[in-house]
């Protein structure tokens, strides 16, 4: 039973890691007329502050373990500040202002996803959005079960196209992940995403992504595997140089200890109005 929940927690970890990574310095365009083809690059203004609200909900379908509500929910608010942009390297600081998590059918001794409220992390990225490294972290919970540094480094999926792009163009990214889980577990995942430049309306660029996922989890000698798909949409304001919103859905067919179940996770990321 615990391995099954740890598997769900691993899937949730991936969702959180992807969200945190996507809260990095936003894609922006140089001050030129917004008509294609465009060289999509990260050019955020130094000192820009953005606040985001993130939500995630995971549901399952399993006749042996019926539930009347979500398996897990998570919500957090994050403040993102661009510290510097030098030599095509973007340094930013993210602060998780608050988190709220619920878990159905929680039992004594069952691991609950830790509270990251107050955690601060500084990252460096290149101008296409590729993570170069985690520079510093502060205030992380000691019982997180996973390394936040590893979450960032292994879950960097959003990469802009190498060449100029126009609406209708697509590019792909193969993103294998191997993430250690305390005390003696590992979750591995292969994700092959296809991105599409859907539309450009004024300064708002809409990008979509979709692709297959294969996952394996080994915790305490018990294995879990799963496969499925992820789809989503991102809206970027090229004039302001930051994300407006992102939505995604991950569907997985899971198998553990001879038992099968389907899980689905939906996530949203939304820019909050300036205070």
Protein backbone atom coordinates (compact mmCIF):
# COMPACT_ATOMS: atom_id res chain seq x y z
CA UNK A 1 0.00 0.00 0.00
CA UNK A 2 2.69 2.48 0.97
CA UNK A 3 4.55 1.94 -2.30
CA UNK A 4 1.40 2.84 -4.20
CA UNK A 5 1.11 6.10 -2.32
CA UNK A 6 4.82 6.77 -2.79
CA UNK A 7 4.24 6.26 -6.52
CA UNK A 8 1.51 8.88 -6.48
CA UNK A 9 3.83 11.13 -4.49
CA UNK A 10 6.51 10.62 -7.15
CA UNK A 11 4.06 11.64 -9.86
CA UNK A 12 3.11 14.66 -7.74
CA UNK A 13 6.81 15.47 -7.31
CA UNK A 14 7.19 15.55 -11.09
CA UNK A 15 4.17 17.87 -11.40
CA UNK A 16 5.58 20.19 -8.72
CA UNK A 17 9.06 20.12 -10.23
CA UNK A 18 7.69 20.98 -13.64
CA UNK A 19 5.68 23.82 -12.18
CA UNK A 20 8.62 25.20 -10.25
CA UNK A 21 10.84 24.99 -13.29
CA UNK A 22 8.23 26.69 -15.43
CA UNK A 23 8.13 29.57 -12.94
CA UNK A 24 11.67 30.47 -13.97
CA UNK A 25 12.57 33.57 -16.01
CA UNK A 26 9.84 33.87 -18.64
CA UNK A 27 10.24 33.74 -22.42
CA UNK A 28 10.30 37.27 -23.81
CA UNK A 29 11.05 39.00 -27.07
CA UNK A 30 13.40 41.90 -27.84
CA UNK A 31 11.59 45.21 -28.47
CA UNK A 32 10.79 44.57 -32.14
CA UNK A 33 7.44 44.36 -33.97
CA UNK A 34 5.67 41.12 -33.03
CA UNK A 35 5.47 39.44 -36.41
CA UNK A 36 7.10 36.16 -37.40
CA UNK A 37 9.21 34.36 -37.79
CA UNK A 38 10.42 35.15 -34.27
CA UNK A 39 13.53 34.09 -32.40
CA UNK A 40 11.97 33.06 -29.08
CA UNK A 41 14.48 33.71 -26.35
CA UNK A 42 14.53 34.58 -22.65
CA UNK A 43 15.14 38.32 -22.28
CA UNK A 44 13.50 39.30 -18.97
CA UNK A 45 14.14 42.75 -17.49
CA UNK A 46 16.37 42.73 -14.44
CA UNK A 47 14.37 43.22 -11.25
CA UNK A 48 11.08 41.98 -12.68
CA UNK A 49 8.84 40.52 -9.96
CA UNK A 50 6.06 38.07 -10.81
CA UNK A 51 3.64 36.27 -8.51
CA UNK A 52 2.09 32.97 -9.54
CA UNK A 53 -0.63 30.69 -8.22
CA UNK A 54 -0.19 26.96 -8.86
CA UNK A 55 -2.73 24.19 -8.32
CA UNK A 56 -2.61 20.43 -8.84
CA UNK A 57 -5.24 17.73 -8.44
CA UNK A 58 -4.65 13.98 -8.78
CA UNK A 59 -7.46 11.45 -9.15
CA UNK A 60 -7.42 7.67 -9.47
CA UNK A 61 -9.64 4.91 -10.84
CA UNK A 62 -9.28 1.63 -8.93
CA UNK A 63 -12.27 -0.61 -8.06
CA UNK A 64 -10.22 -2.20 -5.24
CA UNK A 65 -9.58 1.20 -3.64
CA UNK A 66 -12.65 3.34 -4.38
CA UNK A 67 -12.54 7.02 -3.44
CA UNK A 68 -15.12 9.78 -3.46
CA UNK A 69 -12.75 12.68 -4.03
CA UNK A 70 -9.30 13.66 -5.27
CA UNK A 71 -6.41 11.44 -4.23
CA UNK A 72 -4.27 14.53 -3.65
CA UNK A 73 -4.46 18.29 -4.12
CA UNK A 74 -1.77 20.92 -3.83
CA UNK A 75 -1.82 24.68 -4.11
CA UNK A 76 0.98 27.18 -3.66
CA UNK A 77 1.84 30.81 -4.31
CA UNK A 78 5.30 31.72 -5.53
CA UNK A 79 7.14 35.01 -6.05
CA UNK A 80 9.75 35.08 -8.82
CA UNK A 81 12.41 37.82 -9.09
CA UNK A 82 14.90 38.21 -11.95
CA UNK A 83 18.26 39.03 -10.35
CA UNK A 84 20.48 39.49 -13.40
CA UNK A 85 20.84 38.80 -17.12
CA UNK A 86 24.47 38.61 -18.21
CA UNK A 87 26.24 36.85 -21.08
CA UNK A 88 23.05 34.92 -21.98
CA UNK A 89 22.80 33.60 -18.40
CA UNK A 90 19.68 34.49 -16.41
CA UNK A 91 19.78 34.28 -12.63
CA UNK A 92 16.51 34.37 -10.70
CA UNK A 93 15.25 33.84 -7.18
CA UNK A 94 12.01 32.04 -6.37
CA UNK A 95 10.23 32.10 -3.01
CA UNK A 96 7.37 29.75 -2.16
CA UNK A 97 5.06 32.01 -0.17
CA UNK A 98 2.45 29.46 0.89
CA UNK A 99 1.35 25.88 0.26
CA UNK A 100 -1.76 23.84 1.00
CA UNK A 101 -1.96 20.07 0.50
CA UNK A 102 -4.69 17.49 1.02
CA UNK A 103 -4.42 13.70 0.74
CA UNK A 104 -7.32 11.25 0.79
CA UNK A 105 -7.31 8.21 3.06
CA UNK A 106 -4.14 9.29 4.89
CA UNK A 107 -2.95 6.73 7.46
CA UNK A 108 -0.52 6.97 10.38
CA UNK A 109 3.05 6.66 9.16
CA UNK A 110 2.10 7.45 5.57
CA UNK A 111 4.37 10.03 3.98
CA UNK A 112 2.68 13.34 3.20
CA UNK A 113 4.24 15.73 0.74
CA UNK A 114 6.31 18.20 2.79
CA UNK A 115 5.47 21.88 3.26
CA UNK A 116 7.82 23.98 1.13
CA UNK A 117 6.46 27.31 2.45
CA UNK A 118 9.28 29.79 2.96
CA UNK A 119 11.70 27.89 0.74
CA UNK A 120 13.94 30.07 -1.43
CA UNK A 121 15.91 28.86 -4.45
CA UNK A 122 18.22 30.65 -6.87
CA UNK A 123 18.72 29.20 -10.36
CA UNK A 124 20.62 30.01 -13.54
CA UNK A 125 19.16 29.36 -16.99
CA UNK A 126 20.27 29.93 -20.56
CA UNK A 127 18.33 32.07 -23.00
CA UNK A 128 16.36 29.08 -24.37
CA UNK A 129 15.16 28.11 -20.91
CA UNK A 130 17.63 25.29 -20.28
CA UNK A 131 18.55 24.99 -16.61
CA UNK A 132 22.28 25.53 -16.01
CA UNK A 133 22.16 24.80 -12.30
CA UNK A 134 20.74 25.52 -8.86
CA UNK A 135 22.97 28.17 -7.30
CA UNK A 136 21.55 28.28 -3.78
CA UNK A 137 18.63 27.11 -1.64
CA UNK A 138 17.33 28.23 1.73
CA UNK A 139 14.69 27.01 4.15
CA UNK A 140 14.00 23.62 2.58
CA UNK A 141 12.24 21.05 4.80
CA UNK A 142 14.67 18.45 6.11
CA UNK A 143 12.15 15.64 5.56
CA UNK A 144 11.38 16.43 1.94
CA UNK A 145 12.30 12.92 0.78
CA UNK A 146 13.62 14.32 -2.50
CA UNK A 147 16.28 16.89 -3.33
CA UNK A 148 14.88 20.17 -4.67
CA UNK A 149 18.12 20.59 -6.61
CA UNK A 150 17.50 17.22 -8.29
CA UNK A 151 13.89 18.15 -8.99
CA UNK A 152 15.04 21.21 -10.91
CA UNK A 153 17.94 19.57 -12.71
CA UNK A 154 15.97 16.48 -13.74
CA UNK A 155 12.66 18.14 -14.63
CA UNK A 156 13.57 20.95 -17.00
CA UNK A 157 11.13 20.34 -19.84
CA UNK A 158 10.29 23.77 -21.23
CA UNK A 159 12.92 24.62 -23.87
CA UNK A 160 12.36 27.18 -26.62
CA UNK A 161 13.15 26.34 -30.26
CA UNK A 162 16.71 26.77 -31.48
CA UNK A 163 15.70 28.53 -34.70
CA UNK A 164 13.19 31.25 -35.49
CA UNK A 165 9.60 30.03 -35.30
CA UNK A 166 6.22 31.06 -36.66
CA UNK A 167 2.73 29.94 -35.63
CA UNK A 168 2.32 26.37 -36.84
CA UNK A 169 5.96 25.36 -36.26
CA UNK A 170 6.89 22.51 -33.90
CA UNK A 171 9.99 21.23 -32.07
CA UNK A 172 10.70 18.22 -29.86
CA UNK A 173 12.49 17.50 -26.59
CA UNK A 174 13.55 14.14 -25.16
CA UNK A 175 13.71 14.58 -21.36
CA UNK A 176 14.76 11.50 -19.36
CA UNK A 177 14.62 11.89 -15.58
CA UNK A 178 16.15 9.96 -12.69
CA UNK A 179 15.25 11.30 -9.26
CA UNK A 180 16.45 9.78 -5.95
CA UNK A 181 13.87 9.44 -3.19
CA UNK A 182 14.80 9.03 0.44
CA UNK A 183 15.78 6.75 2.00
CA UNK A 184 16.39 4.10 -0.67
CA UNK A 185 14.20 4.78 -3.69
CA UNK A 186 14.45 6.06 -7.24
CA UNK A 187 11.87 7.28 -9.71
CA UNK A 188 12.81 7.27 -13.39
CA UNK A 189 10.78 8.76 -16.20
CA UNK A 190 11.17 9.14 -19.96
CA UNK A 191 9.25 12.04 -21.47
CA UNK A 192 9.33 12.92 -25.17
CA UNK A 193 7.51 16.18 -25.77
CA UNK A 194 6.46 17.85 -28.99
CA UNK A 195 5.94 21.60 -28.70
CA UNK A 196 3.91 23.69 -31.15
CA UNK A 197 3.74 27.44 -31.67
CA UNK A 198 -0.07 27.64 -31.85
CA UNK A 199 -0.87 31.32 -32.28
CA UNK A 200 0.21 34.92 -31.76
CA UNK A 201 -2.52 37.42 -30.85
CA UNK A 202 -1.13 40.84 -30.07
CA UNK A 203 1.69 40.14 -27.63
CA UNK A 204 0.25 36.83 -26.40
CA UNK A 205 1.93 33.70 -27.79
CA UNK A 206 0.20 30.37 -27.20
CA UNK A 207 2.38 27.24 -27.16
CA UNK A 208 1.14 23.67 -26.75
CA UNK A 209 2.98 20.48 -25.76
CA UNK A 210 2.16 16.78 -25.75
CA UNK A 211 3.95 13.47 -25.58
CA UNK A 212 4.25 9.97 -24.09
CA UNK A 213 5.54 9.17 -20.59
CA UNK A 214 7.08 5.95 -19.25
CA UNK A 215 7.73 5.80 -15.52
CA UNK A 216 9.30 3.30 -13.13
CA UNK A 217 9.58 3.54 -9.35
CA UNK A 218 11.64 1.44 -6.95
CA UNK A 219 11.09 2.09 -3.24
CA UNK A 220 12.33 -0.34 -0.62
CA UNK A 221 12.63 -3.15 -3.13
CA UNK A 222 9.05 -2.82 -4.37
CA UNK A 223 8.56 -1.68 -7.94
CA UNK A 224 5.90 0.35 -9.68
CA UNK A 225 5.61 1.15 -13.35
CA UNK A 226 3.37 3.30 -15.45
CA UNK A 227 2.87 4.75 -18.90
CA UNK A 228 0.68 7.42 -20.34
CA UNK A 229 0.61 10.88 -21.87
CA UNK A 230 0.93 14.54 -20.93
CA UNK A 231 -0.68 17.45 -22.77
CA UNK A 232 -0.74 21.14 -22.04
CA UNK A 233 -0.81 24.76 -23.14
CA UNK A 234 1.29 27.77 -22.17
CA UNK A 235 0.46 31.42 -22.82
CA UNK A 236 3.37 33.89 -22.83
CA UNK A 237 3.11 37.68 -22.91
CA UNK A 238 6.00 38.67 -25.16
CA UNK A 239 5.60 42.38 -24.42
CA UNK A 240 5.78 41.95 -20.63
CA UNK A 241 8.22 39.07 -20.91
CA UNK A 242 6.52 36.57 -18.62
CA UNK A 243 4.14 33.65 -18.46
CA UNK A 244 0.44 34.44 -18.30
CA UNK A 245 -0.76 30.90 -17.67
CA UNK A 246 -0.08 27.21 -18.11
CA UNK A 247 -2.36 24.18 -17.96
CA UNK A 248 -1.46 20.51 -18.26
CA UNK A 249 -2.97 17.05 -17.84
CA UNK A 250 -1.08 13.83 -17.17
CA UNK A 251 -2.80 10.45 -17.60
CA UNK A 252 -1.01 7.31 -16.38
CA UNK A 253 -1.82 3.59 -16.24
CA UNK A 254 -0.05 2.36 -13.11
CA UNK A 255 0.87 -1.17 -12.02
CA UNK A 256 2.16 -2.20 -8.57
CA UNK A 257 2.18 -5.57 -6.79
CA UNK A 258 -0.18 -7.07 -9.37
CA UNK A 259 -2.68 -4.24 -8.97
CA UNK A 260 -3.52 -1.76 -11.72
CA UNK A 261 -5.01 1.70 -11.50
CA UNK A 262 -5.41 4.76 -13.64
CA UNK A 263 -4.35 8.17 -12.38
CA UNK A 264 -4.86 11.62 -13.84
CA UNK A 265 -3.26 14.86 -12.70
CA UNK A 266 -4.30 18.33 -13.81
CA UNK A 267 -2.19 21.40 -13.10
CA UNK A 268 -2.67 25.12 -13.60
CA UNK A 269 -0.25 28.03 -13.30
CA UNK A 270 -1.62 31.58 -13.37
CA UNK A 271 0.00 35.00 -13.13
CA UNK A 272 -1.55 37.02 -10.31
CA UNK A 273 -2.30 40.75 -10.66
CA UNK A 274 0.29 43.18 -9.35
CA UNK A 275 -0.35 44.28 -5.79
